[in-house]
C-alpha atoms as a PDB file:
ATOM      1  CA  UNK A   1      -0.756 -65.070 -35.140  1.00  0.00           C
ATOM      2  CA  UNK A   2      -0.151 -68.783 -35.802  1.00  0.00           C
ATOM      3  CA  UNK A   3       2.483 -70.468 -38.134  1.00  0.00           C
ATOM      4  CA  UNK A   4       2.213 -74.204 -39.161  1.00  0.00           C
ATOM      5  CA  UNK A   5       4.841 -75.267 -41.728  1.00  0.00           C
ATOM      6  CA  UNK A   6       3.886 -77.348 -44.558  1.00  0.00           C
ATOM      7  CA  UNK A   7       7.384 -78.554 -44.877  1.00  0.00           C
ATOM      8  CA  UNK A   8       9.053 -81.490 -43.227  1.00  0.00           C
ATOM      9  CA  UNK A   9      12.039 -79.410 -42.476  1.00  0.00           C
ATOM     10  CA  UNK A  10      12.432 -77.201 -39.430  1.00  0.00           C
ATOM     11  CA  UNK A  11      11.344 -57.315 -55.112  1.00  0.00           C
ATOM     12  CA  UNK A  12      11.139 -54.433 -59.247  1.00  0.00           C
ATOM     13  CA  UNK A  13       7.737 -53.424 -60.124  1.00  0.00           C
ATOM     14  CA  UNK A  14       9.005 -50.641 -62.303  1.00  0.00           C
ATOM     15  CA  UNK A  15       9.886 -53.101 -64.908  1.00  0.00           C
ATOM     16  CA  UNK A  16       6.179 -53.796 -65.451  1.00  0.00           C
ATOM     17  CA  UNK A  17       4.212 -51.972 -67.978  1.00  0.00           C
ATOM     18  CA  UNK A  18       0.521 -50.884 -67.256  1.00  0.00           C
ATOM     19  CA  UNK A  19      -1.823 -53.848 -66.775  1.00  0.00           C
ATOM     20  CA  UNK A  20      -2.470 -54.321 -70.486  1.00  0.00           C
ATOM     21  CA  UNK A  21      -4.149 -57.406 -71.551  1.00  0.00           C
ATOM     22  CA  UNK A  22      -2.312 -59.854 -73.525  1.00  0.00           C
ATOM     23  CA  UNK A  23      -4.366 -62.278 -75.575  1.00  0.00           C
ATOM     24  CA  UNK A  24      -3.680 -65.629 -74.349  1.00  0.00           C
ATOM     25  CA  UNK A  25      -2.672 -68.237 -76.680  1.00  0.00           C
ATOM     26  CA  UNK A  26      -3.876 -70.709 -74.161  1.00  0.00           C
ATOM     27  CA  UNK A  27      -5.486 -74.118 -73.813  1.00  0.00           C
ATOM     28  CA  UNK A  28      -6.220 -76.426 -71.014  1.00  0.00           C
ATOM     29  CA  UNK A  29      -3.806 -79.190 -70.061  1.00  0.00           C
ATOM     30  CA  UNK A  30      -5.210 -82.674 -70.387  1.00  0.00           C
ATOM     31  CA  UNK A  31      -6.611 -82.535 -66.852  1.00  0.00           C
ATOM     32  CA  UNK A  32     -10.435 -82.653 -66.501  1.00  0.00           C
ATOM     33  CA  UNK A  33     -11.780 -79.298 -65.321  1.00  0.00           C
ATOM     34  CA  UNK A  34     -12.698 -80.877 -61.905  1.00  0.00           C
ATOM     35  CA  UNK A  35      -9.416 -82.577 -61.498  1.00  0.00           C
ATOM     36  CA  UNK A  36      -6.501 -81.567 -59.279  1.00  0.00           C
ATOM     37  CA  UNK A  37      -3.940 -80.176 -59.998  1.00  0.00           C
ATOM     38  CA  UNK A  38      -5.136 -77.234 -62.114  1.00  0.00           C
ATOM     39  CA  UNK A  39      -2.334 -77.236 -64.621  1.00  0.00           C
ATOM     40  CA  UNK A  40      -2.759 -74.736 -67.388  1.00  0.00           C
ATOM     41  CA  UNK A  41      -1.109 -73.215 -70.525  1.00  0.00           C
ATOM     42  CA  UNK A  42      -0.576 -69.479 -70.187  1.00  0.00           C
ATOM     43  CA  UNK A  43       1.431 -66.724 -71.731  1.00  0.00           C
ATOM     44  CA  UNK A  44       4.665 -65.532 -70.063  1.00  0.00           C
ATOM     45  CA  UNK A  45       6.347 -62.209 -70.994  1.00  0.00           C
ATOM     46  CA  UNK A  46      10.166 -62.865 -71.313  1.00  0.00           C
ATOM     47  CA  UNK A  47      12.812 -60.308 -72.355  1.00  0.00           C
ATOM     48  CA  UNK A  48      13.048 -59.730 -76.089  1.00  0.00           C
ATOM     49  CA  UNK A  49      16.619 -60.345 -76.788  1.00  0.00           C
ATOM     50  CA  UNK A  50      17.932 -58.195 -79.918  1.00  0.00           C
ATOM     51  CA  UNK A  51      20.479 -60.903 -80.432  1.00  0.00           C
ATOM     52  CA  UNK A  52      23.465 -58.445 -80.798  1.00  0.00           C
ATOM     53  CA  UNK A  53      24.956 -59.160 -77.420  1.00  0.00           C
ATOM     54  CA  UNK A  54      23.767 -55.794 -75.838  1.00  0.00           C
ATOM     55  CA  UNK A  55      22.409 -55.470 -72.376  1.00  0.00           C
ATOM     56  CA  UNK A  56      18.953 -54.237 -71.585  1.00  0.00           C
ATOM     57  CA  UNK A  57      18.613 -50.431 -71.433  1.00  0.00           C
ATOM     58  CA  UNK A  58      18.616 -48.906 -67.818  1.00  0.00           C
ATOM     59  CA  UNK A  59      15.241 -48.294 -66.136  1.00  0.00           C
ATOM     60  CA  UNK A  60      14.757 -44.802 -64.670  1.00  0.00           C
ATOM     61  CA  UNK A  61      11.834 -44.959 -62.278  1.00  0.00           C
ATOM     62  CA  UNK A  62      11.170 -41.143 -62.865  1.00  0.00           C
ATOM     63  CA  UNK A  63      10.852 -41.880 -66.741  1.00  0.00           C
ATOM     64  CA  UNK A  64       7.855 -44.120 -67.437  1.00  0.00           C
ATOM     65  CA  UNK A  65       8.908 -44.420 -70.957  1.00  0.00           C
ATOM     66  CA  UNK A  66      12.068 -46.258 -69.964  1.00  0.00           C
ATOM     67  CA  UNK A  67      10.052 -49.284 -68.647  1.00  0.00           C
ATOM     68  CA  UNK A  68       6.567 -48.947 -69.998  1.00  0.00           C
ATOM     69  CA  UNK A  69       5.317 -50.393 -73.398  1.00  0.00           C
ATOM     70  CA  UNK A  70       8.589 -52.213 -74.230  1.00  0.00           C
ATOM     71  CA  UNK A  71       8.130 -55.165 -76.528  1.00  0.00           C
ATOM     72  CA  UNK A  72       8.286 -58.660 -74.909  1.00  0.00           C
ATOM     73  CA  UNK A  73       9.055 -62.347 -76.172  1.00  0.00           C
ATOM     74  CA  UNK A  74       5.745 -63.918 -75.358  1.00  0.00           C
ATOM     75  CA  UNK A  75       5.748 -67.710 -74.828  1.00  0.00           C
ATOM     76  CA  UNK A  76       3.051 -70.145 -74.089  1.00  0.00           C
ATOM     77  CA  UNK A  77       4.196 -72.296 -71.047  1.00  0.00           C
ATOM     78  CA  UNK A  78       2.703 -75.075 -69.001  1.00  0.00           C
ATOM     79  CA  UNK A  79       2.179 -73.945 -65.400  1.00  0.00           C
ATOM     80  CA  UNK A  80       2.072 -76.730 -62.857  1.00  0.00           C
ATOM     81  CA  UNK A  81      -0.376 -76.434 -59.964  1.00  0.00           C
ATOM     82  CA  UNK A  82       1.399 -77.741 -56.742  1.00  0.00           C
ATOM     83  CA  UNK A  83      -1.819 -77.806 -54.786  1.00  0.00           C
ATOM     84  CA  UNK A  84      -1.732 -81.154 -52.904  1.00  0.00           C
ATOM     85  CA  UNK A  85       1.979 -81.439 -53.068  1.00  0.00           C
ATOM     86  CA  UNK A  86       3.165 -78.332 -51.379  1.00  0.00           C
ATOM     87  CA  UNK A  87       5.470 -80.219 -49.026  1.00  0.00           C
ATOM     88  CA  UNK A  88       7.562 -81.570 -51.974  1.00  0.00           C
ATOM     89  CA  UNK A  89       9.025 -77.967 -52.613  1.00  0.00           C
ATOM     90  CA  UNK A  90      11.632 -76.309 -50.520  1.00  0.00           C
ATOM     91  CA  UNK A  91      13.695 -73.133 -50.505  1.00  0.00           C
ATOM     92  CA  UNK A  92      17.147 -74.697 -50.910  1.00  0.00           C
ATOM     93  CA  UNK A  93      16.168 -77.318 -53.561  1.00  0.00           C
ATOM     94  CA  UNK A  94      13.734 -75.393 -55.704  1.00  0.00           C
ATOM     95  CA  UNK A  95      13.981 -71.816 -54.478  1.00  0.00           C
ATOM     96  CA  UNK A  96      10.599 -71.607 -53.138  1.00  0.00           C
ATOM     97  CA  UNK A  97       8.070 -73.151 -50.742  1.00  0.00           C
ATOM     98  CA  UNK A  98       4.697 -72.736 -49.335  1.00  0.00           C
ATOM     99  CA  UNK A  99       3.852 -72.144 -45.620  1.00  0.00           C
ATOM    100  CA  UNK A 100       0.495 -72.022 -43.845  1.00  0.00           C
ATOM    101  CA  UNK A 101       0.615 -68.724 -41.764  1.00  0.00           C
ATOM    102  CA  UNK A 102      -2.241 -66.975 -40.229  1.00  0.00           C
ATOM    103  CA  UNK A 103      -1.682 -63.254 -39.902  1.00  0.00           C
ATOM    104  CA  UNK A 104      -3.427 -60.846 -37.433  1.00  0.00           C
ATOM    105  CA  UNK A 105      -3.503 -58.315 -40.254  1.00  0.00           C
ATOM    106  CA  UNK A 106      -6.267 -58.727 -42.715  1.00  0.00           C
ATOM    107  CA  UNK A 107      -6.968 -55.778 -44.890  1.00  0.00           C
ATOM    108  CA  UNK A 108      -3.465 -54.141 -45.162  1.00  0.00           C
ATOM    109  CA  UNK A 109      -4.733 -50.727 -45.605  1.00  0.00           C
ATOM    110  CA  UNK A 110      -2.628 -48.782 -42.927  1.00  0.00           C
ATOM    111  CA  UNK A 111       1.154 -48.457 -43.296  1.00  0.00           C
ATOM    112  CA  UNK A 112       1.929 -47.990 -39.739  1.00  0.00           C
ATOM    113  CA  UNK A 113      -0.055 -50.933 -38.774  1.00  0.00           C
ATOM    114  CA  UNK A 114       1.713 -53.231 -41.444  1.00  0.00           C
ATOM    115  CA  UNK A 115       5.012 -52.178 -40.129  1.00  0.00           C
ATOM    116  CA  UNK A 116       4.072 -52.527 -36.430  1.00  0.00           C
ATOM    117  CA  UNK A 117       2.199 -55.760 -36.732  1.00  0.00           C
ATOM    118  CA  UNK A 118       2.890 -57.533 -39.976  1.00  0.00           C
ATOM    119  CA  UNK A 119       6.763 -56.964 -40.166  1.00  0.00           C
ATOM    120  CA  UNK A 120       7.414 -58.741 -36.851  1.00  0.00           C
ATOM    121  CA  UNK A 121       5.290 -61.675 -37.897  1.00  0.00           C
ATOM    122  CA  UNK A 122       7.209 -62.139 -41.163  1.00  0.00           C
ATOM    123  CA  UNK A 123      10.505 -61.814 -39.352  1.00  0.00           C
ATOM    124  CA  UNK A 124       9.703 -64.587 -37.000  1.00  0.00           C
ATOM    125  CA  UNK A 125       8.196 -66.748 -39.739  1.00  0.00           C
ATOM    126  CA  UNK A 126      11.407 -66.528 -41.713  1.00  0.00           C
ATOM    127  CA  UNK A 127      13.479 -67.174 -38.519  1.00  0.00           C
ATOM    128  CA  UNK A 128      11.450 -70.347 -37.983  1.00  0.00           C
ATOM    129  CA  UNK A 129      11.539 -71.410 -41.833  1.00  0.00           C
ATOM    130  CA  UNK A 130      15.299 -70.704 -42.423  1.00  0.00           C
ATOM    131  CA  UNK A 131      17.028 -71.016 -39.024  1.00  0.00           C
ATOM    132  CA  UNK A 132      18.261 -67.301 -39.543  1.00  0.00           C
ATOM    133  CA  UNK A 133      19.474 -65.518 -36.603  1.00  0.00           C
ATOM    134  CA  UNK A 134      18.255 -62.135 -37.944  1.00  0.00           C
ATOM    135  CA  UNK A 135      15.718 -60.890 -40.415  1.00  0.00           C
ATOM    136  CA  UNK A 136      15.198 -57.339 -41.522  1.00  0.00           C
ATOM    137  CA  UNK A 137      12.053 -56.431 -43.473  1.00  0.00           C
ATOM    138  CA  UNK A 138      13.143 -53.525 -45.793  1.00  0.00           C
ATOM    139  CA  UNK A 139      10.150 -53.088 -48.208  1.00  0.00           C
ATOM    140  CA  UNK A 140       6.647 -54.098 -48.995  1.00  0.00           C
ATOM    141  CA  UNK A 141       4.333 -53.782 -52.085  1.00  0.00           C
ATOM    142  CA  UNK A 142       0.530 -54.148 -52.206  1.00  0.00           C
ATOM    143  CA  UNK A 143      -0.910 -55.269 -55.587  1.00  0.00           C
ATOM    144  CA  UNK A 144      -4.690 -54.403 -56.170  1.00  0.00           C
ATOM    145  CA  UNK A 145      -6.949 -52.479 -58.362  1.00  0.00           C
ATOM    146  CA  UNK A 146      -8.053 -48.839 -57.159  1.00  0.00           C
ATOM    147  CA  UNK A 147     -11.446 -49.969 -56.188  1.00  0.00           C
ATOM    148  CA  UNK A 148     -12.896 -53.055 -54.443  1.00  0.00           C
ATOM    149  CA  UNK A 149     -15.476 -55.327 -55.883  1.00  0.00           C
ATOM    150  CA  UNK A 150     -18.252 -52.805 -54.820  1.00  0.00           C
ATOM    151  CA  UNK A 151     -16.522 -50.064 -56.704  1.00  0.00           C
ATOM    152  CA  UNK A 152     -15.533 -48.344 -53.342  1.00  0.00           C
ATOM    153  CA  UNK A 153     -12.047 -46.866 -53.471  1.00  0.00           C
ATOM    154  CA  UNK A 154      -9.439 -48.217 -51.302  1.00  0.00           C
ATOM    155  CA  UNK A 155      -8.229 -45.650 -48.631  1.00  0.00           C
ATOM    156  CA  UNK A 156      -5.596 -45.561 -46.039  1.00  0.00           C
ATOM    157  CA  UNK A 157      -1.892 -44.783 -45.724  1.00  0.00           C
ATOM    158  CA  UNK A 158      -0.794 -48.093 -47.438  1.00  0.00           C
ATOM    159  CA  UNK A 159      -2.479 -47.181 -50.777  1.00  0.00           C
ATOM    160  CA  UNK A 160       0.584 -45.164 -51.794  1.00  0.00           C
ATOM    161  CA  UNK A 161       2.267 -48.544 -52.327  1.00  0.00           C
ATOM    162  CA  UNK A 162      -0.362 -50.155 -54.383  1.00  0.00           C
ATOM    163  CA  UNK A 163       0.687 -51.340 -57.785  1.00  0.00           C
ATOM    164  CA  UNK A 164      -0.463 -53.536 -60.493  1.00  0.00           C
ATOM    165  CA  UNK A 165       0.894 -57.221 -60.784  1.00  0.00           C
ATOM    166  CA  UNK A 166       4.180 -57.538 -62.469  1.00  0.00           C
ATOM    167  CA  UNK A 167       3.670 -59.638 -65.740  1.00  0.00           C
ATOM    168  CA  UNK A 168       7.251 -59.670 -66.950  1.00  0.00           C
ATOM    169  CA  UNK A 169       9.444 -62.399 -65.946  1.00  0.00           C
ATOM    170  CA  UNK A 170      12.077 -61.032 -63.577  1.00  0.00           C
ATOM    171  CA  UNK A 171      14.190 -61.519 -60.334  1.00  0.00           C
ATOM    172  CA  UNK A 172      14.027 -58.544 -58.052  1.00  0.00           C
ATOM    173  CA  UNK A 173      17.851 -58.442 -57.180  1.00  0.00           C
ATOM    174  CA  UNK A 174      21.260 -59.295 -58.491  1.00  0.00           C
ATOM    175  CA  UNK A 175      24.282 -60.039 -56.382  1.00  0.00           C
ATOM    176  CA  UNK A 176      25.334 -56.395 -56.824  1.00  0.00           C
ATOM    177  CA  UNK A 177      22.108 -55.009 -55.456  1.00  0.00           C
ATOM    178  CA  UNK A 178      21.947 -57.580 -52.777  1.00  0.00           C
ATOM    179  CA  UNK A 179      25.203 -56.345 -51.250  1.00  0.00           C
ATOM    180  CA  UNK A 180      24.197 -52.716 -51.687  1.00  0.00           C
ATOM    181  CA  UNK A 181      20.956 -53.278 -49.803  1.00  0.00           C
ATOM    182  CA  UNK A 182      22.689 -54.639 -46.697  1.00  0.00           C
ATOM    183  CA  UNK A 183      25.016 -51.480 -46.972  1.00  0.00           C
ATOM    184  CA  UNK A 184      22.084 -49.277 -47.405  1.00  0.00           C
ATOM    185  CA  UNK A 185      19.669 -50.531 -44.755  1.00  0.00           C
ATOM    186  CA  UNK A 186      22.092 -51.761 -42.121  1.00  0.00           C
ATOM    187  CA  UNK A 187      25.233 -49.700 -42.714  1.00  0.00           C
ATOM    188  CA  UNK A 188      26.711 -49.926 -39.112  1.00  0.00           C
ATOM    189  CA  UNK A 189      26.627 -53.819 -39.242  1.00  0.00           C
ATOM    190  CA  UNK A 190      27.078 -54.590 -43.150  1.00  0.00           C
ATOM    191  CA  UNK A 191      30.586 -55.848 -43.199  1.00  0.00           C
ATOM    192  CA  UNK A 192      29.842 -58.343 -40.219  1.00  0.00           C
ATOM    193  CA  UNK A 193      26.642 -59.402 -41.597  1.00  0.00           C
ATOM    194  CA  UNK A 194      28.146 -59.866 -45.144  1.00  0.00           C
ATOM    195  CA  UNK A 195      30.878 -62.045 -43.851  1.00  0.00           C
ATOM    196  CA  UNK A 196      28.195 -64.759 -43.057  1.00  0.00           C
ATOM    197  CA  UNK A 197      25.407 -66.111 -45.168  1.00  0.00           C
ATOM    198  CA  UNK A 198      22.921 -63.584 -46.457  1.00  0.00           C
ATOM    199  CA  UNK A 199      19.758 -64.108 -48.427  1.00  0.00           C
ATOM    200  CA  UNK A 200      17.129 -61.735 -49.968  1.00  0.00           C
ATOM    201  CA  UNK A 201      13.824 -63.563 -49.458  1.00  0.00           C
ATOM    202  CA  UNK A 202      10.237 -62.374 -50.415  1.00  0.00           C
ATOM    203  CA  UNK A 203       7.141 -63.465 -48.613  1.00  0.00           C
ATOM    204  CA  UNK A 204       4.038 -63.177 -50.953  1.00  0.00           C
ATOM    205  CA  UNK A 205       0.551 -63.396 -49.496  1.00  0.00           C
ATOM    206  CA  UNK A 206      -2.942 -63.035 -51.011  1.00  0.00           C
ATOM    207  CA  UNK A 207      -5.162 -60.491 -49.371  1.00  0.00           C
ATOM    208  CA  UNK A 208      -8.208 -62.356 -50.928  1.00  0.00           C
ATOM    209  CA  UNK A 209      -8.113 -65.895 -52.344  1.00  0.00           C
ATOM    210  CA  UNK A 210      -6.370 -65.632 -55.699  1.00  0.00           C
ATOM    211  CA  UNK A 211      -7.665 -67.299 -58.979  1.00  0.00           C
ATOM    212  CA  UNK A 212      -7.333 -64.830 -61.874  1.00  0.00           C
ATOM    213  CA  UNK A 213      -3.713 -63.650 -61.758  1.00  0.00           C
ATOM    214  CA  UNK A 214      -1.691 -65.728 -59.417  1.00  0.00           C
ATOM    215  CA  UNK A 215       2.110 -65.730 -58.889  1.00  0.00           C
ATOM    216  CA  UNK A 216       4.133 -68.139 -60.934  1.00  0.00           C
ATOM    217  CA  UNK A 217       7.561 -69.363 -59.797  1.00  0.00           C
ATOM    218  CA  UNK A 218      10.291 -70.934 -61.921  1.00  0.00           C
ATOM    219  CA  UNK A 219      11.918 -74.122 -60.492  1.00  0.00           C
ATOM    220  CA  UNK A 220      15.511 -73.017 -59.717  1.00  0.00           C
ATOM    221  CA  UNK A 221      16.812 -76.211 -61.295  1.00  0.00           C
ATOM    222  CA  UNK A 222      15.168 -75.455 -64.692  1.00  0.00           C
ATOM    223  CA  UNK A 223      17.121 -72.281 -65.777  1.00  0.00           C
ATOM    224  CA  UNK A 224      20.796 -71.384 -66.080  1.00  0.00           C
ATOM    225  CA  UNK A 225      22.680 -68.217 -65.318  1.00  0.00           C
ATOM    226  CA  UNK A 226      22.847 -67.609 -69.160  1.00  0.00           C
ATOM    227  CA  UNK A 227      19.101 -66.982 -69.079  1.00  0.00           C
ATOM    228  CA  UNK A 228      19.538 -63.891 -66.884  1.00  0.00           C
ATOM    229  CA  UNK A 229      20.483 -60.452 -67.893  1.00  0.00           C
ATOM    230  CA  UNK A 230      21.106 -57.493 -65.457  1.00  0.00           C
ATOM    231  CA  UNK A 231      19.196 -54.274 -65.724  1.00  0.00           C
ATOM    232  CA  UNK A 232      20.285 -51.134 -63.980  1.00  0.00           C
ATOM    233  CA  UNK A 233      17.501 -49.362 -62.181  1.00  0.00           C
ATOM    234  CA  UNK A 234      17.825 -45.600 -61.344  1.00  0.00           C
ATOM    235  CA  UNK A 235      16.055 -44.581 -58.297  1.00  0.00           C
ATOM    236  CA  UNK A 236      16.065 -41.179 -56.655  1.00  0.00           C
ATOM    237  CA  UNK A 237      19.403 -40.904 -54.762  1.00  0.00           C
ATOM    238  CA  UNK A 238      20.707 -44.361 -55.717  1.00  0.00           C
ATOM    239  CA  UNK A 239      20.985 -47.106 -58.272  1.00  0.00           C
ATOM    240  CA  UNK A 240      19.735 -50.655 -58.205  1.00  0.00           C
ATOM    241  CA  UNK A 241      19.940 -53.760 -60.388  1.00  0.00           C
ATOM    242  CA  UNK A 242      17.590 -56.499 -61.375  1.00  0.00           C
ATOM    243  CA  UNK A 243      17.418 -59.475 -63.779  1.00  0.00           C
ATOM    244  CA  UNK A 244      15.243 -59.935 -66.835  1.00  0.00           C
ATOM    245  CA  UNK A 245      14.908 -63.397 -68.246  1.00  0.00           C
ATOM    246  CA  UNK A 246      15.407 -64.771 -71.656  1.00  0.00           C
ATOM    247  CA  UNK A 247      13.259 -67.645 -72.872  1.00  0.00           C
ATOM    248  CA  UNK A 248      14.767 -71.025 -73.635  1.00  0.00           C
ATOM    249  CA  UNK A 249      15.078 -71.707 -77.471  1.00  0.00           C
ATOM    250  CA  UNK A 250      12.142 -73.637 -78.898  1.00  0.00           C
ATOM    251  CA  UNK A 251      14.352 -76.605 -79.630  1.00  0.00           C
ATOM    252  CA  UNK A 252      16.072 -76.688 -76.087  1.00  0.00           C
ATOM    253  CA  UNK A 253      15.868 -80.002 -74.488  1.00  0.00           C
ATOM    254  CA  UNK A 254      15.415 -78.555 -71.058  1.00  0.00           C
ATOM    255  CA  UNK A 255      12.444 -76.408 -70.632  1.00  0.00           C
ATOM    256  CA  UNK A 256      11.575 -73.729 -67.961  1.00  0.00           C
ATOM    257  CA  UNK A 257       9.446 -75.383 -65.363  1.00  0.00           C
ATOM    258  CA  UNK A 258       6.857 -73.135 -63.911  1.00  0.00           C
ATOM    259  CA  UNK A 259       4.642 -73.549 -60.761  1.00  0.00           C
ATOM    260  CA  UNK A 260       1.802 -71.932 -58.973  1.00  0.00           C
ATOM    261  CA  UNK A 261      -0.638 -72.597 -56.054  1.00  0.00           C
ATOM    262  CA  UNK A 262      -4.226 -72.760 -57.339  1.00  0.00           C
ATOM    263  CA  UNK A 263      -6.692 -70.845 -55.165  1.00  0.00           C
ATOM    264  CA  UNK A 264      -4.014 -69.628 -52.863  1.00  0.00           C
ATOM    265  CA  UNK A 265      -5.733 -68.124 -49.744  1.00  0.00           C
ATOM    266  CA  UNK A 266      -4.508 -65.504 -47.312  1.00  0.00           C
ATOM    267  CA  UNK A 267      -3.539 -68.044 -44.909  1.00  0.00           C
ATOM    268  CA  UNK A 268      -0.981 -69.404 -47.342  1.00  0.00           C
ATOM    269  CA  UNK A 269       2.318 -67.456 -48.052  1.00  0.00           C
ATOM    270  CA  UNK A 270       4.822 -68.225 -50.950  1.00  0.00           C
ATOM    271  CA  UNK A 271       8.247 -67.835 -49.765  1.00  0.00           C
ATOM    272  CA  UNK A 272      10.895 -67.488 -52.444  1.00  0.00           C
ATOM    273  CA  UNK A 273      14.593 -66.478 -52.859  1.00  0.00           C
ATOM    274  CA  UNK A 274      15.634 -63.417 -54.886  1.00  0.00           C
ATOM    275  CA  UNK A 275      19.352 -63.998 -53.736  1.00  0.00           C
ATOM    276  CA  UNK A 276      21.451 -66.339 -51.574  1.00  0.00           C
ATOM    277  CA  UNK A 277      25.128 -65.892 -51.058  1.00  0.00           C
ATOM    278  CA  UNK A 278      25.577 -69.584 -50.351  1.00  0.00           C
ATOM    279  CA  UNK A 279      27.356 -71.284 -53.355  1.00  0.00           C
ATOM    280  CA  UNK A 280      27.238 -74.842 -52.587  1.00  0.00           C
ATOM    281  CA  UNK A 281      24.796 -76.146 -55.047  1.00  0.00           C
ATOM    282  CA  UNK A 282      21.458 -75.158 -53.444  1.00  0.00           C
ATOM    283  CA  UNK A 283      19.030 -72.828 -54.963  1.00  0.00           C
ATOM    284  CA  UNK A 284      20.109 -69.281 -55.017  1.00  0.00           C
ATOM    285  CA  UNK A 285      17.217 -67.358 -56.706  1.00  0.00           C
ATOM    286  CA  UNK A 286      14.111 -67.851 -58.817  1.00  0.00           C
ATOM    287  CA  UNK A 287      12.522 -65.948 -61.708  1.00  0.00           C
ATOM    288  CA  UNK A 288       8.893 -65.228 -61.111  1.00  0.00           C
ATOM    289  CA  UNK A 289       5.899 -62.990 -62.380  1.00  0.00           C
ATOM    290  CA  UNK A 290       2.142 -62.790 -62.403  1.00  0.00           C
ATOM    291  CA  UNK A 291       0.234 -64.589 -65.081  1.00  0.00           C
ATOM    292  CA  UNK A 292      -3.405 -64.654 -66.218  1.00  0.00           C
ATOM    293  CA  UNK A 293      -4.878 -68.099 -65.593  1.00  0.00           C
ATOM    294  CA  UNK A 294      -7.137 -68.583 -68.821  1.00  0.00           C
ATOM    295  CA  UNK A 295      -9.575 -70.664 -66.839  1.00  0.00           C
ATOM    296  CA  UNK A 296     -10.210 -67.876 -64.328  1.00  0.00           C
ATOM    297  CA  UNK A 297     -10.373 -64.682 -66.319  1.00  0.00           C
ATOM    298  CA  UNK A 298     -13.857 -63.965 -65.114  1.00  0.00           C
ATOM    299  CA  UNK A 299     -12.679 -63.785 -61.444  1.00  0.00           C
ATOM    300  CA  UNK A 300     -11.751 -60.705 -59.397  1.00  0.00           C
ATOM    301  CA  UNK A 301      -8.387 -59.011 -59.986  1.00  0.00           C
ATOM    302  CA  UNK A 302      -5.719 -59.958 -57.547  1.00  0.00           C
ATOM    303  CA  UNK A 303      -5.178 -58.391 -54.174  1.00  0.00           C
ATOM    304  CA  UNK A 304      -1.721 -59.232 -52.547  1.00  0.00           C
ATOM    305  CA  UNK A 305       0.980 -58.071 -50.321  1.00  0.00           C
ATOM    306  CA  UNK A 306       4.647 -58.893 -50.851  1.00  0.00           C
ATOM    307  CA  UNK A 307       7.462 -58.182 -48.359  1.00  0.00           C
ATOM    308  CA  UNK A 308      11.160 -58.196 -49.095  1.00  0.00           C
ATOM    309  CA  UNK A 309      13.537 -59.191 -46.374  1.00  0.00           C
ATOM    310  CA  UNK A 310      17.257 -59.413 -45.581  1.00  0.00           C
ATOM    311  CA  UNK A 311      18.004 -62.698 -43.886  1.00  0.00           C
ATOM    312  CA  UNK A 312      21.114 -63.441 -42.053  1.00  0.00           C
ATOM    313  CA  UNK A 313      22.848 -66.575 -40.858  1.00  0.00           C
ATOM    314  CA  UNK A 314      26.106 -65.289 -39.571  1.00  0.00           C
ATOM    315  CA  UNK A 315      27.570 -68.829 -38.577  1.00  0.00           C
ATOM    316  CA  UNK A 316      27.290 -69.905 -42.170  1.00  0.00           C
ATOM    317  CA  UNK A 317      29.843 -68.327 -44.406  1.00  0.00           C
ATOM    318  CA  UNK A 318      28.928 -67.465 -47.994  1.00  0.00           C
END
């Protein structure tokens, strides 16, 4: 495994409905088709706010009707391709950054192998990127269609974690669920770990180069806390909480600034924050989702793996 940073410096799929098609009210940007970057206009599925001050209804993962086929507020947004300028984006300023990282794991079909081989790679990567003293990978999700391009079903112990891309704008965790996850997964050390800085960071990797339905990340500087609404998520045996995201008003002066990496390869990982306890002005979390690139709809569906990590820096207080 090799890891080379592109920087100069040292999780909620139940909210997604089935992978239905949304008719894209999409056009190209003014860029020529052969120019870089590949900025595009695409549809984004925001929370449809009823306007009466009520919070979103809870999601019960055992009841698909609680999260499928819900209406959305669909907005056509410009998505900026950061290809060629990756080193200008950082976790603490923008809430995300790209790193070049070659994994020994290639197919991600065996759960035991993912945990034994890939988890340690990601733990070390995040230590290198953030300077954290401890990283704990607590979950992973694979997103791909049931069959590969030859029509052959994927098999293996990891297939039980396969899901479709999440196309609703969301953040995996709130401050409430962040603290709860530390208690849930590291109960004997929770109080000590929570006394320092703790983050929930996702590492997102293509399994095959992605063109059709990449991951979009919202610049942390371009949204406000008022755009976020918490949603209770009911799991077997415990409750969680995520954020859905409201769109900005059409007349708003400041617009949401969306970014993606065109043609992201398996050797390029997108690292982004779902929560940071540090409250000193640095980015703390970023909304994100999949989107359909209207220029690449003829391409293969996405194959990707996302791991969710607890990241601790005890010598930094929250």
